[in-house]
Amino acid sequence: MPTFSSYDGAELAYHLIGEGEPLICLPGGAMRASEYLGDFGGLSAHRQLVLLDHRGTGDSPEPAETGSYRCDRVVEDVEALRVHLGLEKVDLFTHSAGANLGVLYLQRYPKRVASLALITPGMRAVGIRVDEGSLEAATSLRKDEPWYDEAIGPFRRDWTDVGSDEDGVLAGPFWYGRWDGTAQEHHAGRATQLNRAARAAHYAEGAFDPDATRAAIAGLEIPVLLLVGELDFSPSPVLATQLGGLFKDGWVQLVVQPGAGHHPWLDDAAAFGDVVTRWLAEN
């Protein structure tokens, strides 16, 4: 397991899967061990995946200063990883809450980014939040599922951070396009992979300045892939369109994967891989 020293001396771990040109992968959670990403449904056959374990997650130890969990400070961990790898520019591949980090890195180090993929992205960095109306619209798409009645109450409590651990488990089906054995095993891993204390600190006051971030990314001529699931709520395709509109015209590709939830590589690895590998080859 390789490691590197970050800006404050913290020793952080990352994992390499596959061979070829490096693709730096930033997990979500927020602050969930990169293990849950797997190899993004076979993407390691095309690129070497560099899976970062954020401080306090996976094989990276907890920091001495919990303030360093804050998203705008974790940006410097990504930059330290780039320097460690000896890369002039990086292709960033982000999932969920990791997209906030990717966007902040783009804002701070635009000349170091060759391309940015935002997979079912979190959008707090640009001030777009999932409101009650869009949440209800997205969850209503699942009302004919056999698990809906049992899961909708726990999901609503879990989403508003007032739910119990049991609510988090029962809410699981809403995060996936198919609630099969693979999805159930994947969701169960959250219990040990997610650092909840670090998650709270990651979103601490001062982490984001949406107006400044929007202004910084608006004119950048850097390829952006925005891939969302048809059945996802965070973000829904409608909210993803709002996010896409913040980047320069002609530089963002928005793809809605049919039948997919928040983890599209699990729902249909072939469809996910076709889109991603084509985009990476073109950019």
C-alpha atoms as a PDB file:
ATOM      1  CA  MET A   1       0.000   0.000   0.000  1.00  0.00           C
ATOM      2  CA  PRO A   2       1.700   3.240  -1.128  1.00  0.00           C
ATOM      3  CA  THR A   3       1.597   6.393   0.970  1.00  0.00           C
ATOM      4  CA  PHE A   4       2.602  10.033   0.638  1.00  0.00           C
ATOM      5  CA  SER A   5       3.119  13.010   2.937  1.00  0.00           C
ATOM      6  CA  SER A   6       0.638  15.857   2.643  1.00  0.00           C
ATOM      7  CA  TYR A   7       1.123  19.583   3.254  1.00  0.00           C
ATOM      8  CA  ASP A   8       0.936  19.238   7.052  1.00  0.00           C
ATOM      9  CA  GLY A   9       3.025  16.097   7.351  1.00  0.00           C
ATOM     10  CA  ALA A  10       0.044  13.732   7.474  1.00  0.00           C
ATOM     11  CA  GLU A  11       0.842  10.372   5.932  1.00  0.00           C
ATOM     12  CA  LEU A  12      -2.000   9.368   3.607  1.00  0.00           C
ATOM     13  CA  ALA A  13      -2.655   6.133   1.759  1.00  0.00           C
ATOM     14  CA  TYR A  14      -3.768   5.443  -1.760  1.00  0.00           C
ATOM     15  CA  HIS A  15      -4.403   2.301  -3.781  1.00  0.00           C
ATOM     16  CA  LEU A  16      -3.389   1.466  -7.343  1.00  0.00           C
ATOM     17  CA  ILE A  17      -5.541  -0.733  -9.566  1.00  0.00           C
ATOM     18  CA  GLY A  18      -4.686  -1.479 -13.180  1.00  0.00           C
ATOM     19  CA  GLU A  19      -2.005  -0.068 -15.422  1.00  0.00           C
ATOM     20  CA  GLY A  20      -1.641   2.822 -17.798  1.00  0.00           C
ATOM     21  CA  GLU A  21      -2.122   6.565 -17.471  1.00  0.00           C
ATOM     22  CA  PRO A  22      -3.070   7.518 -13.892  1.00  0.00           C
ATOM     23  CA  LEU A  23      -6.634   8.549 -13.096  1.00  0.00           C
ATOM     24  CA  ILE A  24      -6.942  10.105  -9.643  1.00  0.00           C
ATOM     25  CA  CYS A  25     -10.188   8.965  -8.011  1.00  0.00           C
ATOM     26  CA  LEU A  26     -11.761  10.938  -5.166  1.00  0.00           C
ATOM     27  CA  PRO A  27     -14.397   9.038  -3.149  1.00  0.00           C
ATOM     28  CA  GLY A  28     -17.535  10.505  -1.645  1.00  0.00           C
ATOM     29  CA  GLY A  29     -19.383   9.799   1.577  1.00  0.00           C
ATOM     30  CA  ALA A  30     -18.395  12.369   2.462  1.00  0.00           C
ATOM     31  CA  MET A  31     -15.264  10.816   4.009  1.00  0.00           C
ATOM     32  CA  ARG A  32     -15.838   7.214   3.017  1.00  0.00           C
ATOM     33  CA  ALA A  33     -12.960   4.815   2.386  1.00  0.00           C
ATOM     34  CA  SER A  34     -12.162   4.421  -1.305  1.00  0.00           C
ATOM     35  CA  GLU A  35     -12.800   0.671  -1.051  1.00  0.00           C
ATOM     36  CA  TYR A  36     -16.466   1.183  -1.964  1.00  0.00           C
ATOM     37  CA  LEU A  37     -15.491   2.449  -5.426  1.00  0.00           C
ATOM     38  CA  GLY A  38     -14.040  -0.933  -6.408  1.00  0.00           C
ATOM     39  CA  ASP A  39     -12.554  -0.446  -9.854  1.00  0.00           C
ATOM     40  CA  PHE A  40     -15.522   1.551 -11.150  1.00  0.00           C
ATOM     41  CA  GLY A  41     -17.016  -1.405 -12.966  1.00  0.00           C
ATOM     42  CA  GLY A  42     -13.887  -2.388 -14.890  1.00  0.00           C
ATOM     43  CA  LEU A  43     -12.405   1.046 -15.595  1.00  0.00           C
ATOM     44  CA  SER A  44      -9.019  -0.269 -14.432  1.00  0.00           C
ATOM     45  CA  ALA A  45      -8.774  -2.175 -17.718  1.00  0.00           C
ATOM     46  CA  HIS A  46      -8.266   1.181 -19.430  1.00  0.00           C
ATOM     47  CA  ARG A  47      -6.483   3.384 -16.886  1.00  0.00           C
ATOM     48  CA  GLN A  48      -4.497   3.019 -13.690  1.00  0.00           C
ATOM     49  CA  LEU A  49      -6.868   4.038 -10.912  1.00  0.00           C
ATOM     50  CA  VAL A  50      -5.284   6.008  -8.067  1.00  0.00           C
ATOM     51  CA  LEU A  51      -7.805   5.644  -5.251  1.00  0.00           C
ATOM     52  CA  LEU A  52      -7.206   8.133  -2.449  1.00  0.00           C
ATOM     53  CA  ASP A  53      -8.135   7.249   1.123  1.00  0.00           C
ATOM     54  CA  HIS A  54      -8.934  10.607   2.673  1.00  0.00           C
ATOM     55  CA  ARG A  55      -7.427  11.287   6.083  1.00  0.00           C
ATOM     56  CA  GLY A  56      -9.257   9.295   8.731  1.00  0.00           C
ATOM     57  CA  THR A  57     -10.687   6.800   6.245  1.00  0.00           C
ATOM     58  CA  GLY A  58      -9.561   3.415   4.953  1.00  0.00           C
ATOM     59  CA  ASP A  59      -5.799   3.029   5.418  1.00  0.00           C
ATOM     60  CA  SER A  60      -5.175   6.722   6.145  1.00  0.00           C
ATOM     61  CA  PRO A  61      -4.885   7.502   9.879  1.00  0.00           C
ATOM     62  CA  GLU A  62      -6.899  10.188  11.626  1.00  0.00           C
ATOM     63  CA  PRO A  63      -5.174  13.586  11.677  1.00  0.00           C
ATOM     64  CA  ALA A  64      -3.952  15.390  14.764  1.00  0.00           C
ATOM     65  CA  GLU A  65      -6.102  18.382  13.835  1.00  0.00           C
ATOM     66  CA  THR A  66      -9.727  17.575  13.005  1.00  0.00           C
ATOM     67  CA  GLY A  67     -10.074  20.923  11.247  1.00  0.00           C
ATOM     68  CA  SER A  68      -8.023  19.434   8.433  1.00  0.00           C
ATOM     69  CA  TYR A  69     -11.062  17.322   7.492  1.00  0.00           C
ATOM     70  CA  ARG A  70     -12.741  20.429   6.069  1.00  0.00           C
ATOM     71  CA  CYS A  71     -13.318  20.119   2.334  1.00  0.00           C
ATOM     72  CA  ASP A  72     -11.414  23.248   1.304  1.00  0.00           C
ATOM     73  CA  ARG A  73      -8.400  21.976   3.266  1.00  0.00           C
ATOM     74  CA  VAL A  74      -8.544  18.455   1.848  1.00  0.00           C
ATOM     75  CA  VAL A  75      -7.888  20.129  -1.515  1.00  0.00           C
ATOM     76  CA  GLU A  76      -4.252  20.366  -0.458  1.00  0.00           C
ATOM     77  CA  ASP A  77      -4.124  16.596   0.053  1.00  0.00           C
ATOM     78  CA  VAL A  78      -5.075  16.176  -3.607  1.00  0.00           C
ATOM     79  CA  GLU A  79      -2.382  18.611  -4.660  1.00  0.00           C
ATOM     80  CA  ALA A  80       0.192  16.797  -2.500  1.00  0.00           C
ATOM     81  CA  LEU A  81      -0.800  13.531  -4.194  1.00  0.00           C
ATOM     82  CA  ARG A  82      -0.300  15.109  -7.631  1.00  0.00           C
ATOM     83  CA  VAL A  83       3.175  16.279  -6.645  1.00  0.00           C
ATOM     84  CA  HIS A  84       3.986  12.872  -5.161  1.00  0.00           C
ATOM     85  CA  LEU A  85       2.984  11.154  -8.403  1.00  0.00           C
ATOM     86  CA  GLY A  86       5.091  13.569 -10.446  1.00  0.00           C
ATOM     87  CA  LEU A  87       2.207  14.587 -12.704  1.00  0.00           C
ATOM     88  CA  GLU A  88       2.160  17.949 -14.478  1.00  0.00           C
ATOM     89  CA  LYS A  89      -1.610  17.710 -14.927  1.00  0.00           C
ATOM     90  CA  VAL A  90      -4.193  15.291 -13.593  1.00  0.00           C
ATOM     91  CA  ASP A  91      -7.385  13.682 -14.760  1.00  0.00           C
ATOM     92  CA  LEU A  92      -9.725  13.798 -11.761  1.00  0.00           C
ATOM     93  CA  PHE A  93     -12.493  11.215 -11.414  1.00  0.00           C
ATOM     94  CA  THR A  94     -14.865  12.039  -8.581  1.00  0.00           C
ATOM     95  CA  HIS A  95     -17.952  10.439  -7.080  1.00  0.00           C
ATOM     96  CA  SER A  96     -20.753  11.969  -5.018  1.00  0.00           C
ATOM     97  CA  ALA A  97     -19.360  14.237  -2.277  1.00  0.00           C
ATOM     98  CA  GLY A  98     -15.926  13.842  -3.849  1.00  0.00           C
ATOM     99  CA  ALA A  99     -17.170  16.099  -6.636  1.00  0.00           C
ATOM    100  CA  ASN A 100     -17.210  19.071  -4.229  1.00  0.00           C
ATOM    101  CA  LEU A 101     -13.543  18.429  -3.623  1.00  0.00           C
ATOM    102  CA  GLY A 102     -12.862  18.067  -7.343  1.00  0.00           C
ATOM    103  CA  VAL A 103     -14.568  21.366  -8.125  1.00  0.00           C
ATOM    104  CA  LEU A 104     -12.654  23.170  -5.369  1.00  0.00           C
ATOM    105  CA  TYR A 105      -9.413  21.699  -6.709  1.00  0.00           C
ATOM    106  CA  LEU A 106     -10.365  22.967 -10.171  1.00  0.00           C
ATOM    107  CA  GLN A 107     -10.996  26.402  -8.687  1.00  0.00           C
ATOM    108  CA  ARG A 108      -7.670  26.526  -6.854  1.00  0.00           C
ATOM    109  CA  TYR A 109      -5.444  24.718  -9.354  1.00  0.00           C
ATOM    110  CA  PRO A 110      -7.024  25.088 -12.814  1.00  0.00           C
ATOM    111  CA  LYS A 111      -3.687  24.771 -14.615  1.00  0.00           C
ATOM    112  CA  ARG A 112      -3.149  21.355 -12.982  1.00  0.00           C
ATOM    113  CA  VAL A 113      -6.407  19.822 -14.259  1.00  0.00           C
ATOM    114  CA  ALA A 114      -6.519  18.096 -17.637  1.00  0.00           C
ATOM    115  CA  SER A 115     -10.104  16.852 -17.208  1.00  0.00           C
ATOM    116  CA  LEU A 116     -12.725  16.467 -14.494  1.00  0.00           C
ATOM    117  CA  ALA A 117     -15.367  13.737 -14.227  1.00  0.00           C
ATOM    118  CA  LEU A 118     -18.260  14.339 -11.832  1.00  0.00           C
ATOM    119  CA  ILE A 119     -20.141  11.086 -11.214  1.00  0.00           C
ATOM    120  CA  THR A 120     -23.521  11.563  -9.455  1.00  0.00           C
ATOM    121  CA  PRO A 121     -21.942  14.656  -7.915  1.00  0.00           C
ATOM    122  CA  GLY A 122     -22.443  16.496  -4.680  1.00  0.00           C
ATOM    123  CA  MET A 123     -23.041  20.188  -5.388  1.00  0.00           C
ATOM    124  CA  ARG A 124     -22.544  22.062  -2.112  1.00  0.00           C
ATOM    125  CA  ALA A 125     -19.402  23.709  -3.459  1.00  0.00           C
ATOM    126  CA  VAL A 126     -21.501  25.612  -6.003  1.00  0.00           C
ATOM    127  CA  GLY A 127     -24.494  26.199  -3.732  1.00  0.00           C
ATOM    128  CA  ILE A 128     -26.961  23.770  -5.332  1.00  0.00           C
ATOM    129  CA  ARG A 129     -28.817  21.704  -2.764  1.00  0.00           C
ATOM    130  CA  VAL A 130     -31.397  18.940  -3.061  1.00  0.00           C
ATOM    131  CA  ASP A 131     -34.641  20.625  -2.008  1.00  0.00           C
ATOM    132  CA  GLU A 132     -37.761  18.859  -0.773  1.00  0.00           C
ATOM    133  CA  GLY A 133     -39.556  19.159  -4.097  1.00  0.00           C
ATOM    134  CA  SER A 134     -36.794  17.562  -6.155  1.00  0.00           C
ATOM    135  CA  LEU A 135     -36.316  14.883  -3.507  1.00  0.00           C
ATOM    136  CA  GLU A 136     -39.999  13.940  -3.568  1.00  0.00           C
ATOM    137  CA  ALA A 137     -40.050  13.949  -7.371  1.00  0.00           C
ATOM    138  CA  ALA A 138     -37.083  11.582  -7.515  1.00  0.00           C
ATOM    139  CA  THR A 139     -38.255   9.182  -4.819  1.00  0.00           C
ATOM    140  CA  SER A 140     -41.743   9.000  -6.336  1.00  0.00           C
ATOM    141  CA  LEU A 141     -40.165   7.312  -9.360  1.00  0.00           C
ATOM    142  CA  ARG A 142     -39.661   4.264  -7.124  1.00  0.00           C
ATOM    143  CA  LYS A 143     -43.181   4.054  -5.697  1.00  0.00           C
ATOM    144  CA  ASP A 144     -43.953   0.779  -7.492  1.00  0.00           C
ATOM    145  CA  GLU A 145     -40.897  -0.985  -6.081  1.00  0.00           C
ATOM    146  CA  PRO A 146     -41.727  -3.764  -3.572  1.00  0.00           C
ATOM    147  CA  TRP A 147     -39.487  -2.162  -0.951  1.00  0.00           C
ATOM    148  CA  TYR A 148     -40.858   1.402  -1.286  1.00  0.00           C
ATOM    149  CA  ASP A 149     -43.322   1.460   1.621  1.00  0.00           C
ATOM    150  CA  GLU A 150     -40.774   0.070   4.065  1.00  0.00           C
ATOM    151  CA  ALA A 151     -37.939   2.307   2.896  1.00  0.00           C
ATOM    152  CA  ILE A 152     -39.469   5.738   2.295  1.00  0.00           C
ATOM    153  CA  GLY A 153     -39.901   6.739   5.963  1.00  0.00           C
ATOM    154  CA  PRO A 154     -36.381   5.687   7.003  1.00  0.00           C
ATOM    155  CA  PHE A 155     -35.002   7.369   3.890  1.00  0.00           C
ATOM    156  CA  ARG A 156     -36.593  10.706   4.715  1.00  0.00           C
ATOM    157  CA  ARG A 157     -35.252  10.568   8.268  1.00  0.00           C
ATOM    158  CA  ASP A 158     -31.805   9.467   7.121  1.00  0.00           C
ATOM    159  CA  TRP A 159     -31.604  12.201   4.494  1.00  0.00           C
ATOM    160  CA  THR A 160     -32.349  14.910   7.066  1.00  0.00           C
ATOM    161  CA  ASP A 161     -29.736  13.475   9.465  1.00  0.00           C
ATOM    162  CA  VAL A 162     -32.281  12.684  12.175  1.00  0.00           C
ATOM    163  CA  GLY A 163     -32.441   8.970  11.430  1.00  0.00           C
ATOM    164  CA  SER A 164     -30.947   6.066  13.321  1.00  0.00           C
ATOM    165  CA  ASP A 165     -28.384   3.596  12.032  1.00  0.00           C
ATOM    166  CA  GLU A 166     -31.298   1.274  11.283  1.00  0.00           C
ATOM    167  CA  ASP A 167     -32.924   3.994   9.174  1.00  0.00           C
ATOM    168  CA  GLY A 168     -29.738   4.268   7.169  1.00  0.00           C
ATOM    169  CA  VAL A 169     -29.829   0.549   6.453  1.00  0.00           C
ATOM    170  CA  LEU A 170     -33.519   0.507   5.495  1.00  0.00           C
ATOM    171  CA  ALA A 171     -33.076   3.538   3.223  1.00  0.00           C
ATOM    172  CA  GLY A 172     -30.520   1.688   1.124  1.00  0.00           C
ATOM    173  CA  PRO A 173     -32.681   0.787  -1.906  1.00  0.00           C
ATOM    174  CA  PHE A 174     -33.083   4.425  -2.913  1.00  0.00           C
ATOM    175  CA  TRP A 175     -29.354   4.705  -3.578  1.00  0.00           C
ATOM    176  CA  TYR A 176     -29.322   2.011  -6.278  1.00  0.00           C
ATOM    177  CA  GLY A 177     -31.043   1.351  -9.563  1.00  0.00           C
ATOM    178  CA  ARG A 178     -31.420  -2.327  -8.649  1.00  0.00           C
ATOM    179  CA  TRP A 179     -31.750  -3.528  -5.063  1.00  0.00           C
ATOM    180  CA  ASP A 180     -30.069  -6.879  -5.672  1.00  0.00           C
ATOM    181  CA  GLY A 181     -27.464  -8.814  -3.722  1.00  0.00           C
ATOM    182  CA  THR A 182     -24.606  -6.736  -5.118  1.00  0.00           C
ATOM    183  CA  ALA A 183     -26.289  -3.490  -4.074  1.00  0.00           C
ATOM    184  CA  GLN A 184     -27.166  -4.828  -0.621  1.00  0.00           C
ATOM    185  CA  GLU A 185     -23.586  -5.928   0.041  1.00  0.00           C
ATOM    186  CA  HIS A 186     -22.254  -2.618  -1.235  1.00  0.00           C
ATOM    187  CA  HIS A 187     -24.611  -0.596   0.975  1.00  0.00           C
ATOM    188  CA  ALA A 188     -23.758  -2.699   4.038  1.00  0.00           C
ATOM    189  CA  GLY A 189     -20.117  -1.675   3.655  1.00  0.00           C
ATOM    190  CA  ARG A 190     -21.025   1.904   4.530  1.00  0.00           C
ATOM    191  CA  ALA A 191     -21.221   0.963   8.213  1.00  0.00           C
ATOM    192  CA  THR A 192     -17.458   0.422   8.471  1.00  0.00           C
ATOM    193  CA  GLN A 193     -16.223   2.580   5.580  1.00  0.00           C
ATOM    194  CA  LEU A 194     -17.801   5.910   6.521  1.00  0.00           C
ATOM    195  CA  ASN A 195     -16.140   8.177   9.107  1.00  0.00           C
ATOM    196  CA  ARG A 196     -19.163  10.074  10.427  1.00  0.00           C
ATOM    197  CA  ALA A 197     -17.199  12.453  12.641  1.00  0.00           C
ATOM    198  CA  ALA A 198     -14.942  13.355   9.733  1.00  0.00           C
ATOM    199  CA  ARG A 199     -18.005  13.821   7.527  1.00  0.00           C
ATOM    200  CA  ALA A 200     -19.410  16.450   9.884  1.00  0.00           C
ATOM    201  CA  ALA A 201     -16.071  18.283   9.981  1.00  0.00           C
ATOM    202  CA  HIS A 202     -15.759  18.033   6.185  1.00  0.00           C
ATOM    203  CA  TYR A 203     -18.839  20.226   5.840  1.00  0.00           C
ATOM    204  CA  ALA A 204     -17.944  22.629   8.658  1.00  0.00           C
ATOM    205  CA  GLU A 205     -18.678  26.330   8.337  1.00  0.00           C
ATOM    206  CA  GLY A 206     -16.304  28.032   5.928  1.00  0.00           C
ATOM    207  CA  ALA A 207     -15.739  24.976   3.740  1.00  0.00           C
ATOM    208  CA  PHE A 208     -17.518  26.520   0.758  1.00  0.00           C
ATOM    209  CA  ASP A 209     -17.873  29.910  -0.917  1.00  0.00           C
ATOM    210  CA  PRO A 210     -20.311  29.102  -3.738  1.00  0.00           C
ATOM    211  CA  ASP A 211     -20.277  32.537  -5.378  1.00  0.00           C
ATOM    212  CA  ALA A 212     -16.498  32.553  -5.641  1.00  0.00           C
ATOM    213  CA  THR A 213     -16.431  28.978  -6.920  1.00  0.00           C
ATOM    214  CA  ARG A 214     -19.063  29.632  -9.583  1.00  0.00           C
ATOM    215  CA  ALA A 215     -17.165  32.666 -10.818  1.00  0.00           C
ATOM    216  CA  ALA A 216     -13.866  30.789 -10.909  1.00  0.00           C
ATOM    217  CA  ILE A 217     -15.065  27.810 -12.944  1.00  0.00           C
ATOM    218  CA  ALA A 218     -17.366  29.645 -15.346  1.00  0.00           C
ATOM    219  CA  GLY A 219     -14.794  30.482 -18.010  1.00  0.00           C
ATOM    220  CA  LEU A 220     -12.449  27.499 -17.773  1.00  0.00           C
ATOM    221  CA  GLU A 221     -11.775  25.569 -20.966  1.00  0.00           C
ATOM    222  CA  ILE A 222     -11.349  22.194 -19.280  1.00  0.00           C
ATOM    223  CA  PRO A 223     -13.365  19.099 -20.300  1.00  0.00           C
ATOM    224  CA  VAL A 224     -16.000  18.112 -17.741  1.00  0.00           C
ATOM    225  CA  LEU A 225     -18.049  14.903 -17.729  1.00  0.00           C
ATOM    226  CA  LEU A 226     -21.229  15.080 -15.688  1.00  0.00           C
ATOM    227  CA  LEU A 227     -22.782  11.611 -15.376  1.00  0.00           C
ATOM    228  CA  VAL A 228     -25.934  11.044 -13.335  1.00  0.00           C
ATOM    229  CA  GLY A 229     -28.392   8.231 -12.820  1.00  0.00           C
ATOM    230  CA  GLU A 230     -31.911   8.453 -14.199  1.00  0.00           C
ATOM    231  CA  LEU A 231     -33.307   7.348 -10.825  1.00  0.00           C
ATOM    232  CA  ASP A 232     -30.915   9.248  -8.587  1.00  0.00           C
ATOM    233  CA  PHE A 233     -32.004  12.076  -6.313  1.00  0.00           C
ATOM    234  CA  SER A 234     -28.591  13.466  -5.396  1.00  0.00           C
ATOM    235  CA  PRO A 235     -28.539  14.923  -7.922  1.00  0.00           C
ATOM    236  CA  SER A 236     -31.555  14.291 -10.078  1.00  0.00           C
ATOM    237  CA  PRO A 237     -31.051  14.871 -13.807  1.00  0.00           C
ATOM    238  CA  VAL A 238     -32.876  18.214 -13.431  1.00  0.00           C
ATOM    239  CA  LEU A 239     -30.447  19.440 -10.776  1.00  0.00           C
ATOM    240  CA  ALA A 240     -27.508  18.072 -12.763  1.00  0.00           C
ATOM    241  CA  THR A 241     -28.568  20.282 -15.650  1.00  0.00           C
ATOM    242  CA  GLN A 242     -28.274  23.287 -13.350  1.00  0.00           C
ATOM    243  CA  LEU A 243     -24.761  22.211 -12.399  1.00  0.00           C
ATOM    244  CA  GLY A 244     -23.770  21.691 -16.018  1.00  0.00           C
ATOM    245  CA  GLY A 245     -24.863  25.220 -16.825  1.00  0.00           C
ATOM    246  CA  LEU A 246     -22.173  26.628 -14.536  1.00  0.00           C
ATOM    247  CA  PHE A 247     -19.344  25.477 -16.801  1.00  0.00           C
ATOM    248  CA  LYS A 248     -18.309  27.074 -20.079  1.00  0.00           C
ATOM    249  CA  ASP A 249     -20.493  26.193 -23.048  1.00  0.00           C
ATOM    250  CA  GLY A 250     -19.045  23.404 -25.138  1.00  0.00           C
ATOM    251  CA  TRP A 251     -16.801  22.050 -22.382  1.00  0.00           C
ATOM    252  CA  VAL A 252     -19.256  19.940 -20.381  1.00  0.00           C
ATOM    253  CA  GLN A 253     -20.903  16.679 -21.418  1.00  0.00           C
ATOM    254  CA  LEU A 254     -24.028  15.701 -19.470  1.00  0.00           C
ATOM    255  CA  VAL A 255     -25.012  12.022 -19.569  1.00  0.00           C
ATOM    256  CA  VAL A 256     -28.053  10.497 -17.852  1.00  0.00           C
ATOM    257  CA  GLN A 257     -27.569   6.741 -17.450  1.00  0.00           C
ATOM    258  CA  PRO A 258     -30.913   4.924 -17.853  1.00  0.00           C
ATOM    259  CA  GLY A 259     -32.113   2.892 -14.879  1.00  0.00           C
ATOM    260  CA  ALA A 260     -29.184   3.932 -12.703  1.00  0.00           C
ATOM    261  CA  GLY A 261     -29.093   5.284  -9.174  1.00  0.00           C
ATOM    262  CA  HIS A 262     -26.279   6.882  -7.192  1.00  0.00           C
ATOM    263  CA  HIS A 263     -23.734   4.173  -8.050  1.00  0.00           C
ATOM    264  CA  PRO A 264     -24.149   3.763 -11.816  1.00  0.00           C
ATOM    265  CA  TRP A 265     -21.156   1.458 -12.297  1.00  0.00           C
ATOM    266  CA  LEU A 266     -22.946  -1.122 -10.150  1.00  0.00           C
ATOM    267  CA  ASP A 267     -26.284  -0.766 -11.922  1.00  0.00           C
ATOM    268  CA  ASP A 268     -24.878  -1.253 -15.428  1.00  0.00           C
ATOM    269  CA  ALA A 269     -21.108  -1.529 -15.681  1.00  0.00           C
ATOM    270  CA  ALA A 270     -21.153  -1.858 -19.472  1.00  0.00           C
ATOM    271  CA  ALA A 271     -23.201   1.296 -20.056  1.00  0.00           C
ATOM    272  CA  PHE A 272     -21.127   3.215 -17.509  1.00  0.00           C
ATOM    273  CA  GLY A 273     -17.852   1.997 -18.980  1.00  0.00           C
ATOM    274  CA  ASP A 274     -18.846   2.826 -22.552  1.00  0.00           C
ATOM    275  CA  VAL A 275     -19.556   6.450 -21.679  1.00  0.00           C
ATOM    276  CA  VAL A 276     -16.531   6.966 -19.465  1.00  0.00           C
ATOM    277  CA  THR A 277     -13.915   5.278 -21.642  1.00  0.00           C
ATOM    278  CA  ARG A 278     -15.126   7.120 -24.746  1.00  0.00           C
ATOM    279  CA  TRP A 279     -15.001  10.441 -22.920  1.00  0.00           C
ATOM    280  CA  LEU A 280     -11.544   9.779 -21.518  1.00  0.00           C
ATOM    281  CA  ALA A 281     -10.260   8.793 -24.951  1.00  0.00           C
ATOM    282  CA  GLU A 282     -11.628  11.974 -26.495  1.00  0.00           C
ATOM    283  CA  ASN A 283     -10.188  14.217 -23.796  1.00  0.00           C
END
